[in-house]
PDB file of N, CA and C in Angstrom:
ATOM      1  N   MET A   1      95.566 166.969 168.589  1.00  0.00           N
ATOM      2  CA  MET A   1      95.650 165.598 168.158  1.00  0.00           C
ATOM      3  C   MET A   1      96.991 165.389 167.455  1.00  0.00           C
ATOM      4  N   SER A   2      97.647 164.305 167.795  1.00  0.00           N
ATOM      5  CA  SER A   2      98.955 164.055 167.198  1.00  0.00           C
ATOM      6  C   SER A   2      98.827 163.276 165.898  1.00  0.00           C
ATOM      7  N   LYS A   3      99.872 163.372 165.103  1.00  0.00           N
ATOM      8  CA  LYS A   3      99.888 162.632 163.852  1.00  0.00           C
ATOM      9  C   LYS A   3     101.038 161.641 163.882  1.00  0.00           C
ATOM     10  N   SER A   4     100.854 160.551 163.157  1.00  0.00           N
ATOM     11  CA  SER A   4     101.920 159.568 163.034  1.00  0.00           C
ATOM     12  C   SER A   4     102.071 159.205 161.561  1.00  0.00           C
ATOM     13  N   ILE A   5     103.282 158.845 161.209  1.00  0.00           N
ATOM     14  CA  ILE A   5     103.601 158.483 159.830  1.00  0.00           C
ATOM     15  C   ILE A   5     103.443 156.975 159.672  1.00  0.00           C
ATOM     16  N   VAL A   6     102.823 156.575 158.592  1.00  0.00           N
ATOM     17  CA  VAL A   6     102.598 155.161 158.286  1.00  0.00           C
ATOM     18  C   VAL A   6     103.438 154.808 157.072  1.00  0.00           C
ATOM     19  N   SER A   7     104.115 153.669 157.154  1.00  0.00           N
ATOM     20  CA  SER A   7     104.861 153.198 155.989  1.00  0.00           C
ATOM     21  C   SER A   7     104.817 151.679 155.940  1.00  0.00           C
ATOM     22  N   SER A   8     105.018 151.159 154.745  1.00  0.00           N
ATOM     23  CA  SER A   8     104.994 149.723 154.524  1.00  0.00           C
ATOM     24  C   SER A   8     106.057 149.352 153.505  1.00  0.00           C
ATOM     25  N   ALA A   9     106.779 148.276 153.795  1.00  0.00           N
ATOM     26  CA  ALA A   9     107.733 147.748 152.823  1.00  0.00           C
ATOM     27  C   ALA A   9     106.999 147.081 151.657  1.00  0.00           C
ATOM     28  N   GLY A  10     105.686 146.830 151.824  1.00  0.00           N
ATOM     29  CA  GLY A  10     104.886 146.221 150.773  1.00  0.00           C
ATOM     30  C   GLY A  10     104.444 147.198 149.706  1.00  0.00           C
ATOM     31  N   ALA A  11     104.810 148.455 149.876  1.00  0.00           N
ATOM     32  CA  ALA A  11     104.522 149.497 148.889  1.00  0.00           C
ATOM     33  C   ALA A  11     105.837 150.208 148.590  1.00  0.00           C
ATOM     34  N   PRO A  12     105.937 150.822 147.414  1.00  0.00           N
ATOM     35  CA  PRO A  12     107.197 151.487 147.073  1.00  0.00           C
ATOM     36  C   PRO A  12     107.483 152.669 147.991  1.00  0.00           C
ATOM     37  N   ALA A  13     108.742 152.904 148.231  1.00  0.00           N
ATOM     38  CA  ALA A  13     109.150 154.069 149.013  1.00  0.00           C
ATOM     39  C   ALA A  13     108.737 155.337 148.276  1.00  0.00           C
ATOM     40  N   ALA A  14     108.504 156.387 149.024  1.00  0.00           N
ATOM     41  CA  ALA A  14     108.134 157.666 148.428  1.00  0.00           C
ATOM     42  C   ALA A  14     109.213 158.119 147.449  1.00  0.00           C
ATOM     43  N   ILE A  15     108.780 158.707 146.323  1.00  0.00           N
ATOM     44  CA  ILE A  15     109.750 159.184 145.328  1.00  0.00           C
ATOM     45  C   ILE A  15     109.886 160.707 145.406  1.00  0.00           C
ATOM     46  N   GLY A  16     109.525 161.252 146.550  1.00  0.00           N
ATOM     47  CA  GLY A  16     109.620 162.689 146.775  1.00  0.00           C
ATOM     48  C   GLY A  16     109.490 162.973 148.264  1.00  0.00           C
ATOM     49  N   PRO A  17     109.377 164.233 148.618  1.00  0.00           N
ATOM     50  CA  PRO A  17     109.288 164.614 150.036  1.00  0.00           C
ATOM     51  C   PRO A  17     107.868 164.459 150.595  1.00  0.00           C
ATOM     52  N   TYR A  18     107.431 163.217 150.759  1.00  0.00           N
ATOM     53  CA  TYR A  18     106.113 162.931 151.324  1.00  0.00           C
ATOM     54  C   TYR A  18     106.155 161.565 151.992  1.00  0.00           C
ATOM     55  N   SER A  19     105.126 161.260 152.766  1.00  0.00           N
ATOM     56  CA  SER A  19     104.994 159.978 153.451  1.00  0.00           C
ATOM     57  C   SER A  19     103.995 159.114 152.708  1.00  0.00           C
ATOM     58  N   GLN A  20     104.104 157.801 152.856  1.00  0.00           N
ATOM     59  CA  GLN A  20     103.128 156.905 152.242  1.00  0.00           C
ATOM     60  C   GLN A  20     101.734 157.189 152.794  1.00  0.00           C
ATOM     61  N   ALA A  21     101.662 157.494 154.084  1.00  0.00           N
ATOM     62  CA  ALA A  21     100.386 157.842 154.705  1.00  0.00           C
ATOM     63  C   ALA A  21     100.652 158.584 156.005  1.00  0.00           C
ATOM     64  N   VAL A  22      99.660 159.362 156.423  1.00  0.00           N
ATOM     65  CA  VAL A  22      99.717 160.071 157.693  1.00  0.00           C
ATOM     66  C   VAL A  22      98.425 159.771 158.439  1.00  0.00           C
ATOM     67  N   LYS A  23      98.574 159.350 159.694  1.00  0.00           N
ATOM     68  CA  LYS A  23      97.422 159.020 160.535  1.00  0.00           C
ATOM     69  C   LYS A  23      97.231 160.129 161.557  1.00  0.00           C
ATOM     70  N   VAL A  24      96.012 160.663 161.608  1.00  0.00           N
ATOM     71  CA  VAL A  24      95.649 161.689 162.588  1.00  0.00           C
ATOM     72  C   VAL A  24      94.369 161.200 163.256  1.00  0.00           C
ATOM     73  N   GLY A  25      94.458 160.859 164.533  1.00  0.00           N
ATOM     74  CA  GLY A  25      93.309 160.269 165.199  1.00  0.00           C
ATOM     75  C   GLY A  25      92.987 158.945 164.525  1.00  0.00           C
ATOM     76  N   ASN A  26      91.726 158.765 164.133  1.00  0.00           N
ATOM     77  CA  ASN A  26      91.350 157.523 163.450  1.00  0.00           C
ATOM     78  C   ASN A  26      91.230 157.709 161.930  1.00  0.00           C
ATOM     79  N   THR A  27      91.743 158.833 161.426  1.00  0.00           N
ATOM     80  CA  THR A  27      91.722 159.114 159.988  1.00  0.00           C
ATOM     81  C   THR A  27      93.121 158.929 159.415  1.00  0.00           C
ATOM     82  N   VAL A  28      93.190 158.235 158.291  1.00  0.00           N
ATOM     83  CA  VAL A  28      94.468 157.997 157.627  1.00  0.00           C
ATOM     84  C   VAL A  28      94.389 158.575 156.218  1.00  0.00           C
ATOM     85  N   TYR A  29      95.339 159.424 155.886  1.00  0.00           N
ATOM     86  CA  TYR A  29      95.438 160.034 154.562  1.00  0.00           C
ATOM     87  C   TYR A  29      96.518 159.273 153.793  1.00  0.00           C
ATOM     88  N   LEU A  30      96.095 158.541 152.759  1.00  0.00           N
ATOM     89  CA  LEU A  30      97.022 157.733 151.980  1.00  0.00           C
ATOM     90  C   LEU A  30      97.464 158.513 150.743  1.00  0.00           C
ATOM     91  N   SER A  31      98.763 158.656 150.592  1.00  0.00           N
ATOM     92  CA  SER A  31      99.303 159.346 149.424  1.00  0.00           C
ATOM     93  C   SER A  31      98.996 158.573 148.160  1.00  0.00           C
ATOM     94  N   GLY A  32      99.084 159.268 147.039  1.00  0.00           N
ATOM     95  CA  GLY A  32      98.831 158.628 145.759  1.00  0.00           C
ATOM     96  C   GLY A  32      99.789 157.478 145.508  1.00  0.00           C
ATOM     97  N   GLN A  33      99.247 156.410 144.957  1.00  0.00           N
ATOM     98  CA  GLN A  33     100.044 155.244 144.591  1.00  0.00           C
ATOM     99  C   GLN A  33      99.968 155.053 143.080  1.00  0.00           C
ATOM    100  N   ILE A  34     101.138 154.951 142.475  1.00  0.00           N
ATOM    101  CA  ILE A  34     101.208 154.550 141.081  1.00  0.00           C
ATOM    102  C   ILE A  34     101.719 153.116 141.068  1.00  0.00           C
ATOM    103  N   ALA A  35     101.875 152.547 139.909  1.00  0.00           N
ATOM    104  CA  ALA A  35     102.192 151.125 139.776  1.00  0.00           C
ATOM    105  C   ALA A  35     103.678 150.826 139.864  1.00  0.00           C
ATOM    106  N   LEU A  36     104.316 151.323 140.915  1.00  0.00           N
ATOM    107  CA  LEU A  36     105.724 150.989 141.116  1.00  0.00           C
ATOM    108  C   LEU A  36     105.827 149.672 141.865  1.00  0.00           C
ATOM    109  N   ASP A  37     106.703 148.806 141.406  1.00  0.00           N
ATOM    110  CA  ASP A  37     106.985 147.571 142.122  1.00  0.00           C
ATOM    111  C   ASP A  37     107.706 147.937 143.418  1.00  0.00           C
ATOM    112  N   PRO A  38     107.242 147.430 144.573  1.00  0.00           N
ATOM    113  CA  PRO A  38     107.863 147.820 145.831  1.00  0.00           C
ATOM    114  C   PRO A  38     109.305 147.353 145.986  1.00  0.00           C
ATOM    115  N   VAL A  39     109.698 146.315 145.281  1.00  0.00           N
ATOM    116  CA  VAL A  39     111.059 145.800 145.403  1.00  0.00           C
ATOM    117  C   VAL A  39     112.019 146.547 144.476  1.00  0.00           C
ATOM    118  N   SER A  40     111.653 146.629 143.209  1.00  0.00           N
ATOM    119  CA  SER A  40     112.557 147.239 142.222  1.00  0.00           C
ATOM    120  C   SER A  40     112.414 148.754 142.147  1.00  0.00           C
ATOM    121  N   GLY A  41     111.245 149.271 142.546  1.00  0.00           N
ATOM    122  CA  GLY A  41     110.992 150.700 142.411  1.00  0.00           C
ATOM    123  C   GLY A  41     110.679 151.124 140.986  1.00  0.00           C
ATOM    124  N   GLN A  42     110.519 150.142 140.099  1.00  0.00           N
ATOM    125  CA  GLN A  42     110.248 150.428 138.693  1.00  0.00           C
ATOM    126  C   GLN A  42     108.762 150.272 138.385  1.00  0.00           C
ATOM    127  N   LEU A  43     108.290 151.012 137.390  1.00  0.00           N
ATOM    128  CA  LEU A  43     106.918 150.913 136.932  1.00  0.00           C
ATOM    129  C   LEU A  43     106.687 149.510 136.371  1.00  0.00           C
ATOM    130  N   VAL A  44     105.594 148.866 136.765  1.00  0.00           N
ATOM    131  CA  VAL A  44     105.317 147.516 136.275  1.00  0.00           C
ATOM    132  C   VAL A  44     104.982 147.543 134.792  1.00  0.00           C
ATOM    133  N   GLU A  45     105.267 146.439 134.125  1.00  0.00           N
ATOM    134  CA  GLU A  45     104.935 146.283 132.719  1.00  0.00           C
ATOM    135  C   GLU A  45     103.558 145.657 132.601  1.00  0.00           C
ATOM    136  N   GLY A  46     102.959 145.763 131.421  1.00  0.00           N
ATOM    137  CA  GLY A  46     101.689 145.101 131.183  1.00  0.00           C
ATOM    138  C   GLY A  46     100.539 146.037 130.898  1.00  0.00           C
ATOM    139  N   GLY A  47     100.818 147.334 130.816  1.00  0.00           N
ATOM    140  CA  GLY A  47      99.786 148.282 130.435  1.00  0.00           C
ATOM    141  C   GLY A  47      98.875 148.723 131.568  1.00  0.00           C
ATOM    142  N   PHE A  48      97.771 149.322 131.169  1.00  0.00           N
ATOM    143  CA  PHE A  48      96.848 149.965 132.114  1.00  0.00           C
ATOM    144  C   PHE A  48      96.341 149.007 133.191  1.00  0.00           C
ATOM    145  N   GLU A  49      95.846 147.847 132.797  1.00  0.00           N
ATOM    146  CA  GLU A  49      95.272 146.916 133.776  1.00  0.00           C
ATOM    147  C   GLU A  49      96.296 146.502 134.830  1.00  0.00           C
ATOM    148  N   ALA A  50      97.487 146.154 134.407  1.00  0.00           N
ATOM    149  CA  ALA A  50      98.539 145.766 135.342  1.00  0.00           C
ATOM    150  C   ALA A  50      98.873 146.917 136.282  1.00  0.00           C
ATOM    151  N   GLN A  51      98.853 148.146 135.755  1.00  0.00           N
ATOM    152  CA  GLN A  51      99.163 149.300 136.592  1.00  0.00           C
ATOM    153  C   GLN A  51      98.076 149.545 137.637  1.00  0.00           C
ATOM    154  N   VAL A  52      96.822 149.381 137.266  1.00  0.00           N
ATOM    155  CA  VAL A  52      95.737 149.582 138.231  1.00  0.00           C
ATOM    156  C   VAL A  52      95.844 148.547 139.354  1.00  0.00           C
ATOM    157  N   HIS A  53      96.046 147.292 138.993  1.00  0.00           N
ATOM    158  CA  HIS A  53      96.178 146.245 140.019  1.00  0.00           C
ATOM    159  C   HIS A  53      97.348 146.536 140.959  1.00  0.00           C
ATOM    160  N   ARG A  54      98.508 146.906 140.410  1.00  0.00           N
ATOM    161  CA  ARG A  54      99.680 147.175 141.250  1.00  0.00           C
ATOM    162  C   ARG A  54      99.433 148.378 142.162  1.00  0.00           C
ATOM    163  N   ALA A  55      98.829 149.434 141.640  1.00  0.00           N
ATOM    164  CA  ALA A  55      98.561 150.616 142.460  1.00  0.00           C
ATOM    165  C   ALA A  55      97.630 150.271 143.621  1.00  0.00           C
ATOM    166  N   PHE A  56      96.587 149.483 143.356  1.00  0.00           N
ATOM    167  CA  PHE A  56      95.668 149.099 144.431  1.00  0.00           C
ATOM    168  C   PHE A  56      96.339 148.145 145.422  1.00  0.00           C
ATOM    169  N   ARG A  57      97.221 147.260 144.952  1.00  0.00           N
ATOM    170  CA  ARG A  57      97.952 146.390 145.894  1.00  0.00           C
ATOM    171  C   ARG A  57      98.898 147.226 146.760  1.00  0.00           C
ATOM    172  N   ASN A  58      99.522 148.242 146.171  1.00  0.00           N
ATOM    173  CA  ASN A  58     100.369 149.142 146.961  1.00  0.00           C
ATOM    174  C   ASN A  58      99.531 149.857 148.023  1.00  0.00           C
ATOM    175  N   MET A  59      98.358 150.356 147.613  1.00  0.00           N
ATOM    176  CA  MET A  59      97.471 151.049 148.546  1.00  0.00           C
ATOM    177  C   MET A  59      97.041 150.114 149.673  1.00  0.00           C
ATOM    178  N   LEU A  60      96.719 148.871 149.334  1.00  0.00           N
ATOM    179  CA  LEU A  60      96.321 147.897 150.342  1.00  0.00           C
ATOM    180  C   LEU A  60      97.429 147.683 151.366  1.00  0.00           C
ATOM    181  N   ALA A  61      98.671 147.583 150.916  1.00  0.00           N
ATOM    182  CA  ALA A  61      99.796 147.386 151.841  1.00  0.00           C
ATOM    183  C   ALA A  61      99.908 148.540 152.833  1.00  0.00           C
ATOM    184  N   VAL A  62      99.724 149.759 152.353  1.00  0.00           N
ATOM    185  CA  VAL A  62      99.804 150.926 153.244  1.00  0.00           C
ATOM    186  C   VAL A  62      98.600 150.951 154.190  1.00  0.00           C
ATOM    187  N   ALA A  63      97.410 150.626 153.669  1.00  0.00           N
ATOM    188  CA  ALA A  63      96.210 150.581 154.519  1.00  0.00           C
ATOM    189  C   ALA A  63      96.397 149.573 155.646  1.00  0.00           C
ATOM    190  N   GLU A  64      96.935 148.404 155.322  1.00  0.00           N
ATOM    191  CA  GLU A  64      97.160 147.385 156.345  1.00  0.00           C
ATOM    192  C   GLU A  64      98.213 147.826 157.351  1.00  0.00           C
ATOM    193  N   ALA A  65      99.251 148.519 156.899  1.00  0.00           N
ATOM    194  CA  ALA A  65     100.275 149.026 157.815  1.00  0.00           C
ATOM    195  C   ALA A  65      99.688 150.045 158.787  1.00  0.00           C
ATOM    196  N   ALA A  66      98.619 150.710 158.379  1.00  0.00           N
ATOM    197  CA  ALA A  66      97.944 151.690 159.236  1.00  0.00           C
ATOM    198  C   ALA A  66      96.938 151.032 160.174  1.00  0.00           C
ATOM    199  N   GLY A  67      96.754 149.715 160.022  1.00  0.00           N
ATOM    200  CA  GLY A  67      95.813 149.012 160.878  1.00  0.00           C
ATOM    201  C   GLY A  67      94.424 148.869 160.283  1.00  0.00           C
ATOM    202  N   GLY A  68      94.309 149.060 158.987  1.00  0.00           N
ATOM    203  CA  GLY A  68      93.002 148.978 158.345  1.00  0.00           C
ATOM    204  C   GLY A  68      93.035 148.120 157.107  1.00  0.00           C
ATOM    205  N   SER A  69      92.038 148.339 156.257  1.00  0.00           N
ATOM    206  CA  SER A  69      91.937 147.628 154.992  1.00  0.00           C
ATOM    207  C   SER A  69      91.259 148.568 153.994  1.00  0.00           C
ATOM    208  N   LEU A  70      91.158 148.145 152.766  1.00  0.00           N
ATOM    209  CA  LEU A  70      90.499 148.985 151.771  1.00  0.00           C
ATOM    210  C   LEU A  70      89.013 149.157 152.092  1.00  0.00           C
ATOM    211  N   ALA A  71      88.449 148.271 152.898  1.00  0.00           N
ATOM    212  CA  ALA A  71      87.056 148.422 153.326  1.00  0.00           C
ATOM    213  C   ALA A  71      86.868 149.651 154.211  1.00  0.00           C
ATOM    214  N   ASP A  72      87.961 150.173 154.777  1.00  0.00           N
ATOM    215  CA  ASP A  72      87.900 151.357 155.631  1.00  0.00           C
ATOM    216  C   ASP A  72      88.035 152.664 154.854  1.00  0.00           C
ATOM    217  N   VAL A  73      88.264 152.580 153.550  1.00  0.00           N
ATOM    218  CA  VAL A  73      88.410 153.778 152.719  1.00  0.00           C
ATOM    219  C   VAL A  73      87.053 154.454 152.564  1.00  0.00           C
ATOM    220  N   VAL A  74      87.014 155.766 152.869  1.00  0.00           N
ATOM    221  CA  VAL A  74      85.771 156.532 152.741  1.00  0.00           C
ATOM    222  C   VAL A  74      85.793 157.468 151.541  1.00  0.00           C
ATOM    223  N   LYS A  75      86.996 157.799 151.044  1.00  0.00           N
ATOM    224  CA  LYS A  75      87.130 158.693 149.888  1.00  0.00           C
ATOM    225  C   LYS A  75      88.291 158.215 149.048  1.00  0.00           C
ATOM    226  N   LEU A  76      88.035 158.053 147.764  1.00  0.00           N
ATOM    227  CA  LEU A  76      89.032 157.568 146.824  1.00  0.00           C
ATOM    228  C   LEU A  76      89.095 158.538 145.658  1.00  0.00           C
ATOM    229  N   THR A  77      90.303 158.851 145.220  1.00  0.00           N
ATOM    230  CA  THR A  77      90.476 159.681 144.031  1.00  0.00           C
ATOM    231  C   THR A  77      91.346 158.917 143.043  1.00  0.00           C
ATOM    232  N   LEU A  78      90.850 158.805 141.823  1.00  0.00           N
ATOM    233  CA  LEU A  78      91.573 158.131 140.751  1.00  0.00           C
ATOM    234  C   LEU A  78      92.033 159.161 139.733  1.00  0.00           C
ATOM    235  N   PHE A  79      93.232 158.967 139.218  1.00  0.00           N
ATOM    236  CA  PHE A  79      93.791 159.829 138.186  1.00  0.00           C
ATOM    237  C   PHE A  79      94.143 158.950 136.996  1.00  0.00           C
ATOM    238  N   LEU A  80      93.599 159.268 135.822  1.00  0.00           N
ATOM    239  CA  LEU A  80      93.827 158.491 134.609  1.00  0.00           C
ATOM    240  C   LEU A  80      94.376 159.411 133.523  1.00  0.00           C
ATOM    241  N   THR A  81      95.377 158.932 132.806  1.00  0.00           N
ATOM    242  CA  THR A  81      95.900 159.738 131.698  1.00  0.00           C
ATOM    243  C   THR A  81      95.036 159.601 130.454  1.00  0.00           C
ATOM    244  N   ASP A  82      94.130 158.625 130.440  1.00  0.00           N
ATOM    245  CA  ASP A  82      93.210 158.440 129.318  1.00  0.00           C
ATOM    246  C   ASP A  82      91.851 158.024 129.869  1.00  0.00           C
ATOM    247  N   LEU A  83      90.873 158.917 129.811  1.00  0.00           N
ATOM    248  CA  LEU A  83      89.554 158.616 130.367  1.00  0.00           C
ATOM    249  C   LEU A  83      88.817 157.527 129.587  1.00  0.00           C
ATOM    250  N   ALA A  84      89.339 157.118 128.446  1.00  0.00           N
ATOM    251  CA  ALA A  84      88.768 155.966 127.747  1.00  0.00           C
ATOM    252  C   ALA A  84      88.962 154.694 128.577  1.00  0.00           C
ATOM    253  N   ASP A  85      89.900 154.713 129.526  1.00  0.00           N
ATOM    254  CA  ASP A  85      90.160 153.574 130.404  1.00  0.00           C
ATOM    255  C   ASP A  85      89.241 153.554 131.628  1.00  0.00           C
ATOM    256  N   PHE A  86      88.340 154.529 131.725  1.00  0.00           N
ATOM    257  CA  PHE A  86      87.428 154.645 132.874  1.00  0.00           C
ATOM    258  C   PHE A  86      86.641 153.362 133.143  1.00  0.00           C
ATOM    259  N   PRO A  87      86.013 152.733 132.126  1.00  0.00           N
ATOM    260  CA  PRO A  87      85.270 151.489 132.400  1.00  0.00           C
ATOM    261  C   PRO A  87      86.157 150.376 132.965  1.00  0.00           C
ATOM    262  N   LYS A  88      87.367 150.241 132.452  1.00  0.00           N
ATOM    263  CA  LYS A  88      88.284 149.207 132.945  1.00  0.00           C
ATOM    264  C   LYS A  88      88.705 149.512 134.384  1.00  0.00           C
ATOM    265  N   ALA A  89      88.931 150.782 134.701  1.00  0.00           N
ATOM    266  CA  ALA A  89      89.265 151.160 136.076  1.00  0.00           C
ATOM    267  C   ALA A  89      88.128 150.791 137.021  1.00  0.00           C
ATOM    268  N   ASN A  90      86.890 151.041 136.603  1.00  0.00           N
ATOM    269  CA  ASN A  90      85.728 150.671 137.420  1.00  0.00           C
ATOM    270  C   ASN A  90      85.676 149.167 137.651  1.00  0.00           C
ATOM    271  N   GLU A  91      85.896 148.412 136.592  1.00  0.00           N
ATOM    272  CA  GLU A  91      85.850 146.951 136.684  1.00  0.00           C
ATOM    273  C   GLU A  91      86.898 146.432 137.668  1.00  0.00           C
ATOM    274  N   ILE A  92      88.122 146.913 137.546  1.00  0.00           N
ATOM    275  CA  ILE A  92      89.200 146.455 138.420  1.00  0.00           C
ATOM    276  C   ILE A  92      88.968 146.929 139.852  1.00  0.00           C
ATOM    277  N   MET A  93      88.489 148.150 140.019  1.00  0.00           N
ATOM    278  CA  MET A  93      88.232 148.671 141.365  1.00  0.00           C
ATOM    279  C   MET A  93      87.307 147.745 142.149  1.00  0.00           C
ATOM    280  N   GLN A  94      86.335 147.148 141.459  1.00  0.00           N
ATOM    281  CA  GLN A  94      85.372 146.286 142.139  1.00  0.00           C
ATOM    282  C   GLN A  94      85.982 144.984 142.641  1.00  0.00           C
ATOM    283  N   THR A  95      87.205 144.668 142.232  1.00  0.00           N
ATOM    284  CA  THR A  95      87.879 143.498 142.785  1.00  0.00           C
ATOM    285  C   THR A  95      88.607 143.831 144.081  1.00  0.00           C
ATOM    286  N   TYR A  96      88.768 145.122 144.385  1.00  0.00           N
ATOM    287  CA  TYR A  96      89.455 145.560 145.603  1.00  0.00           C
ATOM    288  C   TYR A  96      88.518 146.217 146.612  1.00  0.00           C
ATOM    289  N   PHE A  97      87.399 146.729 146.149  1.00  0.00           N
ATOM    290  CA  PHE A  97      86.444 147.426 147.006  1.00  0.00           C
ATOM    291  C   PHE A  97      85.073 146.785 146.849  1.00  0.00           C
ATOM    292  N   ALA A  98      84.354 146.673 147.960  1.00  0.00           N
ATOM    293  CA  ALA A  98      83.012 146.090 147.932  1.00  0.00           C
ATOM    294  C   ALA A  98      81.995 147.153 148.340  1.00  0.00           C
ATOM    295  N   GLN A  99      80.740 146.877 148.033  1.00  0.00           N
ATOM    296  CA  GLN A  99      79.677 147.803 148.445  1.00  0.00           C
ATOM    297  C   GLN A  99      79.553 147.783 149.964  1.00  0.00           C
ATOM    298  N   PRO A 100      79.259 148.878 150.587  1.00  0.00           N
ATOM    299  CA  PRO A 100      79.054 150.186 149.965  1.00  0.00           C
ATOM    300  C   PRO A 100      80.407 150.793 149.584  1.00  0.00           C
ATOM    301  N   TYR A 101      80.499 151.250 148.355  1.00  0.00           N
ATOM    302  CA  TYR A 101      81.747 151.803 147.841  1.00  0.00           C
ATOM    303  C   TYR A 101      82.063 153.144 148.497  1.00  0.00           C
ATOM    304  N   PRO A 102      83.355 153.495 148.535  1.00  0.00           N
ATOM    305  CA  PRO A 102      83.710 154.814 149.061  1.00  0.00           C
ATOM    306  C   PRO A 102      83.245 155.924 148.113  1.00  0.00           C
ATOM    307  N   ALA A 103      83.148 157.133 148.630  1.00  0.00           N
ATOM    308  CA  ALA A 103      82.957 158.283 147.752  1.00  0.00           C
ATOM    309  C   ALA A 103      84.170 158.330 146.836  1.00  0.00           C
ATOM    310  N   ARG A 104      83.978 158.846 145.596  1.00  0.00           N
ATOM    311  CA  ARG A 104      85.091 158.795 144.651  1.00  0.00           C
ATOM    312  C   ARG A 104      85.019 159.922 143.643  1.00  0.00           C
ATOM    313  N   SER A 105      86.189 160.373 143.261  1.00  0.00           N
ATOM    314  CA  SER A 105      86.343 161.275 142.126  1.00  0.00           C
ATOM    315  C   SER A 105      87.299 160.607 141.151  1.00  0.00           C
ATOM    316  N   THR A 106      87.079 160.840 139.862  1.00  0.00           N
ATOM    317  CA  THR A 106      87.996 160.368 138.838  1.00  0.00           C
ATOM    318  C   THR A 106      88.380 161.572 137.993  1.00  0.00           C
ATOM    319  N   VAL A 107      89.684 161.756 137.837  1.00  0.00           N
ATOM    320  CA  VAL A 107      90.198 162.937 137.161  1.00  0.00           C
ATOM    321  C   VAL A 107      91.062 162.516 135.982  1.00  0.00           C
ATOM    322  N   GLY A 108      90.817 163.111 134.828  1.00  0.00           N
ATOM    323  CA  GLY A 108      91.682 162.917 133.673  1.00  0.00           C
ATOM    324  C   GLY A 108      92.842 163.889 133.764  1.00  0.00           C
ATOM    325  N   VAL A 109      94.052 163.378 133.637  1.00  0.00           N
ATOM    326  CA  VAL A 109      95.248 164.212 133.761  1.00  0.00           C
ATOM    327  C   VAL A 109      96.133 164.057 132.534  1.00  0.00           C
ATOM    328  N   ALA A 110      96.962 165.056 132.288  1.00  0.00           N
ATOM    329  CA  ALA A 110      97.859 165.019 131.127  1.00  0.00           C
ATOM    330  C   ALA A 110      99.006 164.035 131.320  1.00  0.00           C
ATOM    331  N   SER A 111      99.507 163.934 132.545  1.00  0.00           N
ATOM    332  CA  SER A 111     100.609 163.006 132.800  1.00  0.00           C
ATOM    333  C   SER A 111     100.687 162.708 134.293  1.00  0.00           C
ATOM    334  N   LEU A 112     101.415 161.646 134.615  1.00  0.00           N
ATOM    335  CA  LEU A 112     101.635 161.218 136.000  1.00  0.00           C
ATOM    336  C   LEU A 112     103.117 160.905 136.182  1.00  0.00           C
ATOM    337  N   PRO A 113     103.601 160.855 137.430  1.00  0.00           N
ATOM    338  CA  PRO A 113     105.013 160.555 137.668  1.00  0.00           C
ATOM    339  C   PRO A 113     105.447 159.246 137.011  1.00  0.00           C
ATOM    340  N   ARG A 114     106.677 159.224 136.544  1.00  0.00           N
ATOM    341  CA  ARG A 114     107.309 158.051 135.954  1.00  0.00           C
ATOM    342  C   ARG A 114     106.596 157.527 134.712  1.00  0.00           C
ATOM    343  N   GLY A 115     105.720 158.330 134.125  1.00  0.00           N
ATOM    344  CA  GLY A 115     104.998 157.894 132.941  1.00  0.00           C
ATOM    345  C   GLY A 115     103.850 156.941 133.242  1.00  0.00           C
ATOM    346  N   ALA A 116     103.416 156.894 134.498  1.00  0.00           N
ATOM    347  CA  ALA A 116     102.312 156.011 134.890  1.00  0.00           C
ATOM    348  C   ALA A 116     101.034 156.405 134.154  1.00  0.00           C
ATOM    349  N   LEU A 117     100.154 155.430 133.997  1.00  0.00           N
ATOM    350  CA  LEU A 117      98.858 155.642 133.342  1.00  0.00           C
ATOM    351  C   LEU A 117      97.734 155.828 134.351  1.00  0.00           C
ATOM    352  N   PHE A 118      98.005 155.499 135.633  1.00  0.00           N
ATOM    353  CA  PHE A 118      96.973 155.470 136.670  1.00  0.00           C
ATOM    354  C   PHE A 118      97.596 155.797 138.014  1.00  0.00           C
ATOM    355  N   GLU A 119      96.843 156.518 138.835  1.00  0.00           N
ATOM    356  CA  GLU A 119      97.243 156.784 140.216  1.00  0.00           C
ATOM    357  C   GLU A 119      95.982 156.811 141.065  1.00  0.00           C
ATOM    358  N   ALA A 120      96.108 156.389 142.319  1.00  0.00           N
ATOM    359  CA  ALA A 120      94.972 156.428 143.248  1.00  0.00           C
ATOM    360  C   ALA A 120      95.458 156.911 144.609  1.00  0.00           C
ATOM    361  N   GLU A 121      94.641 157.770 145.227  1.00  0.00           N
ATOM    362  CA  GLU A 121      94.899 158.219 146.596  1.00  0.00           C
ATOM    363  C   GLU A 121      93.608 158.025 147.383  1.00  0.00           C
ATOM    364  N   ALA A 122      93.719 158.007 148.717  1.00  0.00           N
ATOM    365  CA  ALA A 122      92.533 157.690 149.509  1.00  0.00           C
ATOM    366  C   ALA A 122      92.594 158.322 150.891  1.00  0.00           C
ATOM    367  N   VAL A 123      91.406 158.392 151.494  1.00  0.00           N
ATOM    368  CA  VAL A 123      91.256 158.742 152.895  1.00  0.00           C
ATOM    369  C   VAL A 123      90.548 157.555 153.549  1.00  0.00           C
ATOM    370  N   MET A 124      91.078 157.115 154.665  1.00  0.00           N
ATOM    371  CA  MET A 124      90.574 155.937 155.360  1.00  0.00           C
ATOM    372  C   MET A 124      90.209 156.327 156.789  1.00  0.00           C
ATOM    373  N   VAL A 125      89.101 155.811 157.301  1.00  0.00           N
ATOM    374  CA  VAL A 125      88.719 156.050 158.687  1.00  0.00           C
ATOM    375  C   VAL A 125      88.657 154.699 159.379  1.00  0.00           C
ATOM    376  N   LEU A 126      89.421 154.577 160.447  1.00  0.00           N
ATOM    377  CA  LEU A 126      89.496 153.342 161.215  1.00  0.00           C
ATOM    378  C   LEU A 126      88.433 153.349 162.314  1.00  0.00           C
ATOM    379  N   ALA A 127      87.863 152.192 162.558  1.00  0.00           N
ATOM    380  CA  ALA A 127      86.818 152.070 163.595  1.00  0.00           C
ATOM    381  C   ALA A 127      87.410 152.176 164.981  1.00  0.00           C
TER     382      ALA A 127
END
């Protein structure tokens, strides 16, 4: 099975040696998205909530470039630098994902690239 690289101008360019997403068959592996503005490449201002919204909008842009949507996500992993923000992450996630929700893990981490407070990565299966 061949693989293809997925990219979107609606999400920030990779800040390292990786692709925004890789499609293999009908499965798409979306790299982690932090709250970088796709135009400026800078971390958005406004704290945790603004960062979660931007990261999910970045993820949506890549999902759409792959021919899908966030409704096609089957596995989601969230990374938070402060697990006290877990309830707020859940609340915001529900504005981007509907039931039935994807399988999910949430991991507390010491730090994230560029000083981000939140990161999300996903696996998507296209119909």
